[in-house]
Amino acid sequence: MVHYQRLLREPPSTLLGSIVDTNTKGVNPDASLHSVSSYLASYNLLSLPVVDANERLLGAVTVDDVLDHLLPTNWRHDHRDSVATTTALENIDTNFTEEV
């Protein structure tokens, strides 16, 4: 696994293989949501490799994947509504101030 921050700090000529972190353990596809979220939070990671019993890479799980399972299904819609409402209220306050 390559840590995003390290990847961004390295010069463009750096070979990817030289910055791979081989100490980060992967999770198996049957890992619980609790164990994955705890591991991500404990080590301040943005993603984890998903590996099989032979340590072959199957994919990755990200913080966004975990949040999608922890938050209510309509959280994105609710968030957009609150942002739109906040923006509308700010515009009303601005317009009111300008008229006075």
N, C-alpha and C. Protein backbone atom coordinates (compact mmCIF):
# COMPACT_ATOMS: atom_id res chain seq x y z
N MET A 1 0.84 -1.16 0.00
CA MET A 1 0.00 0.00 0.00
C MET A 1 0.89 1.23 0.00
N VAL A 2 0.46 2.27 -0.70
CA VAL A 2 1.18 3.54 -0.71
C VAL A 2 0.32 4.57 -0.01
N HIS A 3 0.89 5.26 0.97
CA HIS A 3 0.17 6.30 1.68
C HIS A 3 0.05 7.53 0.79
N TYR A 4 -1.15 8.09 0.71
CA TYR A 4 -1.41 9.23 -0.18
C TYR A 4 -0.49 10.41 0.11
N GLN A 5 -0.29 10.73 1.37
CA GLN A 5 0.55 11.88 1.71
C GLN A 5 1.98 11.69 1.24
N ARG A 6 2.49 10.49 1.42
CA ARG A 6 3.85 10.22 0.96
C ARG A 6 3.92 10.29 -0.56
N LEU A 7 2.93 9.73 -1.22
CA LEU A 7 2.88 9.75 -2.67
C LEU A 7 2.92 11.19 -3.20
N LEU A 8 2.20 12.08 -2.55
CA LEU A 8 2.15 13.47 -2.98
C LEU A 8 3.44 14.23 -2.68
N ARG A 9 4.18 13.81 -1.65
CA ARG A 9 5.42 14.50 -1.28
C ARG A 9 6.61 14.07 -2.13
N GLU A 10 6.56 12.89 -2.70
CA GLU A 10 7.70 12.37 -3.46
C GLU A 10 7.82 13.06 -4.82
N PRO A 11 9.05 13.19 -5.32
CA PRO A 11 9.23 13.76 -6.66
C PRO A 11 8.59 12.86 -7.71
N PRO A 12 8.15 13.43 -8.82
CA PRO A 12 7.49 12.64 -9.87
C PRO A 12 8.34 11.49 -10.41
N SER A 13 9.65 11.60 -10.29
CA SER A 13 10.53 10.56 -10.82
C SER A 13 10.65 9.34 -9.90
N THR A 14 10.11 9.42 -8.68
CA THR A 14 10.20 8.32 -7.72
C THR A 14 9.44 7.10 -8.23
N LEU A 15 10.08 5.95 -8.15
CA LEU A 15 9.42 4.71 -8.53
C LEU A 15 8.43 4.30 -7.44
N LEU A 16 7.26 3.93 -7.85
CA LEU A 16 6.20 3.57 -6.92
C LEU A 16 6.63 2.44 -5.98
N GLY A 17 7.35 1.47 -6.51
CA GLY A 17 7.80 0.34 -5.71
C GLY A 17 8.69 0.73 -4.55
N SER A 18 9.34 1.88 -4.65
CA SER A 18 10.25 2.30 -3.58
C SER A 18 9.52 2.94 -2.40
N ILE A 19 8.25 3.27 -2.55
CA ILE A 19 7.52 3.90 -1.44
C ILE A 19 6.34 3.05 -0.95
N VAL A 20 6.27 1.82 -1.41
CA VAL A 20 5.20 0.93 -0.95
C VAL A 20 5.44 0.53 0.50
N ASP A 21 4.42 0.65 1.32
CA ASP A 21 4.48 0.24 2.72
C ASP A 21 4.04 -1.22 2.81
N THR A 22 4.99 -2.10 3.06
CA THR A 22 4.67 -3.53 3.14
C THR A 22 4.28 -3.95 4.56
N ASN A 23 4.31 -3.01 5.51
CA ASN A 23 3.96 -3.34 6.89
C ASN A 23 2.47 -3.23 7.18
N THR A 24 1.73 -2.52 6.33
CA THR A 24 0.29 -2.40 6.54
C THR A 24 -0.38 -3.70 6.17
N LYS A 25 -1.08 -4.27 7.13
CA LYS A 25 -1.76 -5.54 6.87
C LYS A 25 -3.08 -5.28 6.16
N GLY A 26 -3.40 -6.17 5.26
CA GLY A 26 -4.68 -6.08 4.57
C GLY A 26 -5.78 -6.72 5.40
N VAL A 27 -7.00 -6.48 5.01
CA VAL A 27 -8.14 -7.11 5.66
C VAL A 27 -8.74 -8.13 4.71
N ASN A 28 -9.38 -9.15 5.25
CA ASN A 28 -10.00 -10.14 4.37
C ASN A 28 -11.40 -9.65 3.99
N PRO A 29 -11.96 -10.19 2.94
CA PRO A 29 -13.26 -9.72 2.47
C PRO A 29 -14.40 -9.90 3.47
N ASP A 30 -14.21 -10.76 4.46
CA ASP A 30 -15.25 -11.01 5.46
C ASP A 30 -15.07 -10.17 6.72
N ALA A 31 -14.13 -9.24 6.71
CA ALA A 31 -13.88 -8.41 7.90
C ALA A 31 -15.13 -7.60 8.23
N SER A 32 -15.37 -7.42 9.51
CA SER A 32 -16.56 -6.67 9.94
C SER A 32 -16.35 -5.17 9.73
N LEU A 33 -17.45 -4.47 9.61
CA LEU A 33 -17.41 -3.02 9.47
C LEU A 33 -16.70 -2.40 10.67
N HIS A 34 -16.97 -2.92 11.85
CA HIS A 34 -16.34 -2.41 13.07
C HIS A 34 -14.82 -2.58 13.01
N SER A 35 -14.34 -3.75 12.62
CA SER A 35 -12.89 -3.97 12.61
C SER A 35 -12.21 -3.11 11.55
N VAL A 36 -12.84 -2.96 10.39
CA VAL A 36 -12.25 -2.13 9.33
C VAL A 36 -12.23 -0.66 9.76
N SER A 37 -13.33 -0.16 10.30
CA SER A 37 -13.38 1.24 10.72
C SER A 37 -12.42 1.50 11.88
N SER A 38 -12.29 0.57 12.79
CA SER A 38 -11.35 0.71 13.91
C SER A 38 -9.91 0.76 13.42
N TYR A 39 -9.58 -0.11 12.47
CA TYR A 39 -8.22 -0.15 11.92
C TYR A 39 -7.90 1.16 11.19
N LEU A 40 -8.83 1.62 10.36
CA LEU A 40 -8.62 2.87 9.63
C LEU A 40 -8.42 4.03 10.61
N ALA A 41 -9.26 4.10 11.64
CA ALA A 41 -9.18 5.19 12.61
C ALA A 41 -7.92 5.09 13.48
N SER A 42 -7.57 3.89 13.91
CA SER A 42 -6.41 3.71 14.79
C SER A 42 -5.11 4.14 14.13
N TYR A 43 -4.99 3.88 12.85
CA TYR A 43 -3.74 4.19 12.14
C TYR A 43 -3.89 5.39 11.21
N ASN A 44 -5.01 6.11 11.32
CA ASN A 44 -5.25 7.32 10.53
C ASN A 44 -5.04 7.07 9.03
N LEU A 45 -5.64 5.99 8.54
CA LEU A 45 -5.51 5.60 7.14
C LEU A 45 -6.74 6.02 6.35
N LEU A 46 -6.55 6.23 5.06
CA LEU A 46 -7.66 6.56 4.16
C LEU A 46 -8.17 5.33 3.44
N SER A 47 -7.34 4.29 3.38
CA SER A 47 -7.75 3.06 2.69
C SER A 47 -6.95 1.88 3.21
N LEU A 48 -7.46 0.70 2.93
CA LEU A 48 -6.80 -0.55 3.30
C LEU A 48 -6.90 -1.53 2.14
N PRO A 49 -5.85 -2.32 1.94
CA PRO A 49 -5.97 -3.37 0.93
C PRO A 49 -6.87 -4.50 1.43
N VAL A 50 -7.62 -5.08 0.53
CA VAL A 50 -8.43 -6.26 0.83
C VAL A 50 -7.72 -7.43 0.17
N VAL A 51 -7.36 -8.44 0.98
CA VAL A 51 -6.57 -9.56 0.48
C VAL A 51 -7.24 -10.89 0.82
N ASP A 52 -6.90 -11.92 0.03
CA ASP A 52 -7.44 -13.25 0.32
C ASP A 52 -6.50 -13.99 1.28
N ALA A 53 -6.78 -15.25 1.55
CA ALA A 53 -6.00 -16.04 2.50
C ALA A 53 -4.54 -16.19 2.06
N ASN A 54 -4.28 -16.06 0.77
CA ASN A 54 -2.91 -16.16 0.25
C ASN A 54 -2.25 -14.80 0.09
N GLU A 55 -2.85 -13.78 0.71
CA GLU A 55 -2.34 -12.40 0.66
C GLU A 55 -2.34 -11.80 -0.75
N ARG A 56 -3.19 -12.32 -1.62
CA ARG A 56 -3.33 -11.73 -2.96
C ARG A 56 -4.31 -10.57 -2.87
N LEU A 57 -3.97 -9.50 -3.53
CA LEU A 57 -4.79 -8.30 -3.51
C LEU A 57 -6.10 -8.54 -4.25
N LEU A 58 -7.21 -8.27 -3.56
CA LEU A 58 -8.53 -8.39 -4.17
C LEU A 58 -9.13 -7.03 -4.48
N GLY A 59 -8.71 -6.03 -3.74
CA GLY A 59 -9.25 -4.68 -3.92
C GLY A 59 -8.84 -3.80 -2.76
N ALA A 60 -9.63 -2.79 -2.50
CA ALA A 60 -9.34 -1.86 -1.41
C ALA A 60 -10.66 -1.39 -0.80
N VAL A 61 -10.58 -1.02 0.46
CA VAL A 61 -11.72 -0.41 1.15
C VAL A 61 -11.26 0.96 1.62
N THR A 62 -12.10 1.96 1.43
CA THR A 62 -11.73 3.33 1.78
C THR A 62 -12.60 3.85 2.93
N VAL A 63 -12.18 4.97 3.47
CA VAL A 63 -12.97 5.63 4.51
C VAL A 63 -14.36 5.96 3.96
N ASP A 64 -14.44 6.37 2.71
CA ASP A 64 -15.74 6.67 2.10
C ASP A 64 -16.64 5.43 2.06
N ASP A 65 -16.04 4.27 1.78
CA ASP A 65 -16.82 3.03 1.78
C ASP A 65 -17.42 2.78 3.16
N VAL A 66 -16.62 2.99 4.18
CA VAL A 66 -17.08 2.77 5.56
C VAL A 66 -18.18 3.77 5.91
N LEU A 67 -17.98 5.04 5.55
CA LEU A 67 -18.99 6.06 5.84
C LEU A 67 -20.31 5.76 5.14
N ASP A 68 -20.24 5.26 3.92
CA ASP A 68 -21.46 4.91 3.20
C ASP A 68 -22.29 3.87 3.95
N HIS A 69 -21.61 3.00 4.72
CA HIS A 69 -22.34 1.98 5.48
C HIS A 69 -22.76 2.46 6.87
N LEU A 70 -22.08 3.47 7.39
CA LEU A 70 -22.39 3.96 8.74
C LEU A 70 -23.45 5.06 8.74
N LEU A 71 -23.47 5.87 7.70
CA LEU A 71 -24.41 6.99 7.65
C LEU A 71 -25.75 6.55 7.08
N PRO A 72 -26.81 7.26 7.39
CA PRO A 72 -28.12 6.91 6.82
C PRO A 72 -28.08 6.97 5.29
N THR A 73 -28.93 6.20 4.65
CA THR A 73 -28.89 6.10 3.19
C THR A 73 -29.13 7.43 2.49
N ASN A 74 -29.87 8.33 3.08
CA ASN A 74 -30.18 9.59 2.42
C ASN A 74 -29.30 10.75 2.91
N TRP A 75 -28.16 10.46 3.52
CA TRP A 75 -27.35 11.53 4.09
C TRP A 75 -26.84 12.50 3.03
N ARG A 76 -26.52 12.01 1.83
CA ARG A 76 -26.04 12.92 0.78
C ARG A 76 -27.14 13.90 0.39
N HIS A 77 -28.36 13.41 0.25
CA HIS A 77 -29.48 14.26 -0.12
C HIS A 77 -29.75 15.29 0.97
N ASP A 78 -29.76 14.86 2.21
CA ASP A 78 -29.99 15.76 3.34
C ASP A 78 -28.92 16.83 3.40
N HIS A 79 -27.66 16.44 3.15
CA HIS A 79 -26.54 17.39 3.19
C HIS A 79 -26.71 18.46 2.12
N ARG A 80 -27.08 18.06 0.91
CA ARG A 80 -27.28 19.03 -0.17
C ARG A 80 -28.40 20.00 0.17
N ASP A 81 -29.47 19.50 0.78
CA ASP A 81 -30.58 20.36 1.17
C ASP A 81 -30.13 21.39 2.21
N SER A 82 -29.32 20.96 3.19
CA SER A 82 -28.89 21.88 4.23
C SER A 82 -27.93 22.92 3.67
N VAL A 83 -27.08 22.53 2.73
CA VAL A 83 -26.16 23.49 2.10
C VAL A 83 -26.96 24.51 1.30
N ALA A 84 -27.94 24.05 0.54
CA ALA A 84 -28.77 24.96 -0.25
C ALA A 84 -29.54 25.92 0.65
N THR A 85 -30.07 25.42 1.75
CA THR A 85 -30.81 26.26 2.69
C THR A 85 -29.89 27.28 3.33
N THR A 86 -28.69 26.86 3.74
CA THR A 86 -27.73 27.77 4.34
C THR A 86 -27.35 28.87 3.36
N THR A 87 -27.08 28.49 2.12
CA THR A 87 -26.72 29.47 1.09
C THR A 87 -27.86 30.45 0.86
N ALA A 88 -29.08 29.95 0.79
CA ALA A 88 -30.24 30.82 0.59
C ALA A 88 -30.39 31.79 1.76
N LEU A 89 -30.20 31.31 2.98
CA LEU A 89 -30.30 32.18 4.15
C LEU A 89 -29.21 33.24 4.16
N GLU A 90 -27.99 32.85 3.76
CA GLU A 90 -26.90 33.82 3.69
C GLU A 90 -27.23 34.91 2.67
N ASN A 91 -27.80 34.52 1.54
CA ASN A 91 -28.18 35.50 0.51
C ASN A 91 -29.26 36.44 1.02
N ILE A 92 -30.22 35.90 1.76
CA ILE A 92 -31.28 36.74 2.32
C ILE A 92 -30.68 37.75 3.28
N ASP A 93 -29.78 37.29 4.17
CA ASP A 93 -29.14 38.19 5.12
C ASP A 93 -28.34 39.26 4.40
N THR A 94 -27.61 38.88 3.36
CA THR A 94 -26.81 39.83 2.59
C THR A 94 -27.70 40.86 1.92
N ASN A 95 -28.77 40.41 1.28
CA ASN A 95 -29.68 41.32 0.59
C ASN A 95 -30.34 42.27 1.57
N PHE A 96 -30.72 41.77 2.72
CA PHE A 96 -31.36 42.60 3.74
C PHE A 96 -30.39 43.68 4.21
N THR A 97 -29.14 43.31 4.44
CA THR A 97 -28.14 44.25 4.91
C THR A 97 -27.89 45.33 3.87
N GLU A 98 -27.86 44.94 2.60
CA GLU A 98 -27.59 45.89 1.53
C GLU A 98 -28.72 46.90 1.38
N GLU A 99 -29.95 46.49 1.65
CA GLU A 99 -31.09 47.38 1.48
C GLU A 99 -31.21 48.40 2.61
N VAL A 100 -30.67 48.07 3.77
CA VAL A 100 -30.80 48.95 4.93
C VAL A 100 -29.81 50.03 4.89
